């Protein structure tokens, strides 16, 4: 029996960066780290500058990307990222940080933008 996979779609201002299937995707939001697998609850959240890890079952290799701020939405089996900037190399202007205080400043701004977009 084949395992259920997520459809991962990563978009940037320059177009689609990645469009593939994955078993688990791990990323950081304003609310903390999330590891997402198929059949999870639908949600939307603001991303903070950090890394995204995309894993395949039965593989010891994973894809790792450095990201800037953005938005993530999970609906059904589609995990969509809209990200300002992404690279497989560290972003010079983005400091990947575990500092809670620094990440909190994105919380209010990003959540207000999301809520305004949903109301329209």
C-alpha atoms as a PDB file:
ATOM      1  CA  UNK A   1       0.000   0.000   0.000  1.00  0.00           C
ATOM      2  CA  UNK A   2       1.437   3.339  -1.039  1.00  0.00           C
ATOM      3  CA  UNK A   3       1.740   5.975   1.647  1.00  0.00           C
ATOM      4  CA  UNK A   4      -0.265   9.187   1.395  1.00  0.00           C
ATOM      5  CA  UNK A   5       1.925  12.135   0.476  1.00  0.00           C
ATOM      6  CA  UNK A   6       1.658  15.906   0.629  1.00  0.00           C
ATOM      7  CA  UNK A   7       1.728  17.956  -2.545  1.00  0.00           C
ATOM      8  CA  UNK A   8       4.271  20.704  -1.775  1.00  0.00           C
ATOM      9  CA  UNK A   9       4.119  23.918  -3.795  1.00  0.00           C
ATOM     10  CA  UNK A  10       6.610  26.727  -3.115  1.00  0.00           C
ATOM     11  CA  UNK A  11       5.980  30.049  -4.890  1.00  0.00           C
ATOM     12  CA  UNK A  12       8.112  33.182  -4.923  1.00  0.00           C
ATOM     13  CA  UNK A  13       7.720  36.557  -6.652  1.00  0.00           C
ATOM     14  CA  UNK A  14       9.795  35.017  -9.483  1.00  0.00           C
ATOM     15  CA  UNK A  15       7.462  32.041 -10.031  1.00  0.00           C
ATOM     16  CA  UNK A  16       7.176  28.458  -8.831  1.00  0.00           C
ATOM     17  CA  UNK A  17      10.323  27.305  -7.047  1.00  0.00           C
ATOM     18  CA  UNK A  18       9.261  23.730  -6.195  1.00  0.00           C
ATOM     19  CA  UNK A  19       6.304  21.492  -7.058  1.00  0.00           C
ATOM     20  CA  UNK A  20       6.607  17.909  -5.796  1.00  0.00           C
ATOM     21  CA  UNK A  21       5.347  15.240  -3.399  1.00  0.00           C
ATOM     22  CA  UNK A  22       6.790  14.701   0.090  1.00  0.00           C
ATOM     23  CA  UNK A  23       6.116  12.564   3.148  1.00  0.00           C
ATOM     24  CA  UNK A  24       6.899  15.179   5.782  1.00  0.00           C
ATOM     25  CA  UNK A  25       7.742  18.882   5.639  1.00  0.00           C
ATOM     26  CA  UNK A  26       9.168  20.790   8.605  1.00  0.00           C
ATOM     27  CA  UNK A  27       9.175  24.590   8.873  1.00  0.00           C
ATOM     28  CA  UNK A  28       9.003  27.455  11.388  1.00  0.00           C
ATOM     29  CA  UNK A  29       6.030  29.794  11.815  1.00  0.00           C
ATOM     30  CA  UNK A  30       5.378  32.673  14.189  1.00  0.00           C
ATOM     31  CA  UNK A  31       3.791  30.071  16.477  1.00  0.00           C
ATOM     32  CA  UNK A  32       6.775  27.681  16.454  1.00  0.00           C
ATOM     33  CA  UNK A  33       8.128  24.654  14.562  1.00  0.00           C
ATOM     34  CA  UNK A  34       5.684  22.493  12.586  1.00  0.00           C
ATOM     35  CA  UNK A  35       6.292  19.059  11.098  1.00  0.00           C
ATOM     36  CA  UNK A  36       3.454  18.306   8.697  1.00  0.00           C
ATOM     37  CA  UNK A  37       2.376  14.990   7.188  1.00  0.00           C
ATOM     38  CA  UNK A  38      -0.600  13.981   5.045  1.00  0.00           C
ATOM     39  CA  UNK A  39      -4.078  14.086   6.617  1.00  0.00           C
ATOM     40  CA  UNK A  40      -3.219  16.950   8.970  1.00  0.00           C
ATOM     41  CA  UNK A  41      -5.721  19.646   9.939  1.00  0.00           C
ATOM     42  CA  UNK A  42      -6.075  22.551   7.491  1.00  0.00           C
ATOM     43  CA  UNK A  43      -4.403  25.779   8.628  1.00  0.00           C
ATOM     44  CA  UNK A  44      -2.718  29.026   7.573  1.00  0.00           C
ATOM     45  CA  UNK A  45       0.246  30.695   9.286  1.00  0.00           C
ATOM     46  CA  UNK A  46       2.970  33.310   8.838  1.00  0.00           C
ATOM     47  CA  UNK A  47       6.513  32.053   8.225  1.00  0.00           C
ATOM     48  CA  UNK A  48       9.603  33.562   9.829  1.00  0.00           C
ATOM     49  CA  UNK A  49      13.126  33.569   8.349  1.00  0.00           C
ATOM     50  CA  UNK A  50      14.348  30.004   8.887  1.00  0.00           C
ATOM     51  CA  UNK A  51      14.756  26.702   7.012  1.00  0.00           C
ATOM     52  CA  UNK A  52      12.304  24.318   5.354  1.00  0.00           C
ATOM     53  CA  UNK A  53      13.071  20.585   5.389  1.00  0.00           C
ATOM     54  CA  UNK A  54      11.363  18.302   2.860  1.00  0.00           C
ATOM     55  CA  UNK A  55      11.684  14.563   3.521  1.00  0.00           C
ATOM     56  CA  UNK A  56      10.846  11.471   1.486  1.00  0.00           C
ATOM     57  CA  UNK A  57      10.002   8.125   3.082  1.00  0.00           C
ATOM     58  CA  UNK A  58      12.689   5.420   2.916  1.00  0.00           C
ATOM     59  CA  UNK A  59      15.357   8.008   2.194  1.00  0.00           C
ATOM     60  CA  UNK A  60      18.057   9.289   4.508  1.00  0.00           C
ATOM     61  CA  UNK A  61      18.389  12.423   2.363  1.00  0.00           C
ATOM     62  CA  UNK A  62      16.197  15.485   2.664  1.00  0.00           C
ATOM     63  CA  UNK A  63      15.958  18.830   0.910  1.00  0.00           C
ATOM     64  CA  UNK A  64      16.844  21.893   2.942  1.00  0.00           C
ATOM     65  CA  UNK A  65      16.008  25.457   1.894  1.00  0.00           C
ATOM     66  CA  UNK A  66      16.685  28.800   3.561  1.00  0.00           C
ATOM     67  CA  UNK A  67      13.683  31.120   3.481  1.00  0.00           C
ATOM     68  CA  UNK A  68      12.722  34.702   4.154  1.00  0.00           C
ATOM     69  CA  UNK A  69       9.308  35.707   5.512  1.00  0.00           C
ATOM     70  CA  UNK A  70       6.160  34.338   3.910  1.00  0.00           C
ATOM     71  CA  UNK A  71       2.848  32.547   4.340  1.00  0.00           C
ATOM     72  CA  UNK A  72       2.043  28.839   4.481  1.00  0.00           C
ATOM     73  CA  UNK A  73      -1.362  27.232   3.923  1.00  0.00           C
ATOM     74  CA  UNK A  74      -2.367  23.584   4.187  1.00  0.00           C
ATOM     75  CA  UNK A  75      -5.660  22.560   2.602  1.00  0.00           C
ATOM     76  CA  UNK A  76      -6.541  18.931   1.887  1.00  0.00           C
ATOM     77  CA  UNK A  77      -3.274  17.433   0.660  1.00  0.00           C
ATOM     78  CA  UNK A  78      -1.825  20.681  -0.763  1.00  0.00           C
ATOM     79  CA  UNK A  79       0.841  22.484   1.261  1.00  0.00           C
ATOM     80  CA  UNK A  80       1.398  25.927  -0.308  1.00  0.00           C
ATOM     81  CA  UNK A  81       4.217  28.278   0.598  1.00  0.00           C
ATOM     82  CA  UNK A  82       4.340  31.876  -0.633  1.00  0.00           C
ATOM     83  CA  UNK A  83       7.826  33.093   0.218  1.00  0.00           C
ATOM     84  CA  UNK A  84       9.643  36.375  -0.443  1.00  0.00           C
ATOM     85  CA  UNK A  85      12.988  34.658  -1.028  1.00  0.00           C
ATOM     86  CA  UNK A  86      14.282  31.072  -0.951  1.00  0.00           C
ATOM     87  CA  UNK A  87      17.626  29.409  -1.630  1.00  0.00           C
ATOM     88  CA  UNK A  88      19.549  26.218  -0.955  1.00  0.00           C
ATOM     89  CA  UNK A  89      22.344  28.486   0.347  1.00  0.00           C
ATOM     90  CA  UNK A  90      22.081  30.782   3.399  1.00  0.00           C
ATOM     91  CA  UNK A  91      20.456  34.075   2.506  1.00  0.00           C
ATOM     92  CA  UNK A  92      22.881  36.931   3.149  1.00  0.00           C
ATOM     93  CA  UNK A  93      20.229  39.352   4.350  1.00  0.00           C
ATOM     94  CA  UNK A  94      18.215  36.792   6.322  1.00  0.00           C
ATOM     95  CA  UNK A  95      19.485  35.802   9.735  1.00  0.00           C
ATOM     96  CA  UNK A  96      18.178  32.352  10.644  1.00  0.00           C
ATOM     97  CA  UNK A  97      17.379  32.792  14.298  1.00  0.00           C
ATOM     98  CA  UNK A  98      15.986  30.794  17.172  1.00  0.00           C
ATOM     99  CA  UNK A  99      15.470  34.039  19.095  1.00  0.00           C
ATOM    100  CA  UNK A 100      11.823  34.119  20.214  1.00  0.00           C
ATOM    101  CA  UNK A 101      11.778  37.910  20.663  1.00  0.00           C
ATOM    102  CA  UNK A 102      12.997  38.546  17.124  1.00  0.00           C
ATOM    103  CA  UNK A 103      10.394  36.191  15.642  1.00  0.00           C
ATOM    104  CA  UNK A 104       7.566  37.793  17.652  1.00  0.00           C
ATOM    105  CA  UNK A 105       7.898  41.056  15.728  1.00  0.00           C
ATOM    106  CA  UNK A 106       6.706  39.235  12.598  1.00  0.00           C
ATOM    107  CA  UNK A 107       3.711  37.689  14.364  1.00  0.00           C
ATOM    108  CA  UNK A 108       1.414  40.680  14.556  1.00  0.00           C
ATOM    109  CA  UNK A 109       2.321  42.205  11.194  1.00  0.00           C
ATOM    110  CA  UNK A 110       2.022  38.955   9.222  1.00  0.00           C
ATOM    111  CA  UNK A 111      -1.184  37.856  10.952  1.00  0.00           C
ATOM    112  CA  UNK A 112      -2.851  41.226  10.267  1.00  0.00           C
ATOM    113  CA  UNK A 113      -1.906  40.932   6.574  1.00  0.00           C
ATOM    114  CA  UNK A 114      -3.339  37.402   6.433  1.00  0.00           C
ATOM    115  CA  UNK A 115      -6.578  38.417   8.144  1.00  0.00           C
ATOM    116  CA  UNK A 116      -7.043  41.429   5.852  1.00  0.00           C
ATOM    117  CA  UNK A 117      -6.527  39.214   2.802  1.00  0.00           C
ATOM    118  CA  UNK A 118      -9.081  36.693   4.072  1.00  0.00           C
ATOM    119  CA  UNK A 119     -11.708  39.383   4.732  1.00  0.00           C
ATOM    120  CA  UNK A 120     -11.519  40.729   1.153  1.00  0.00           C
END
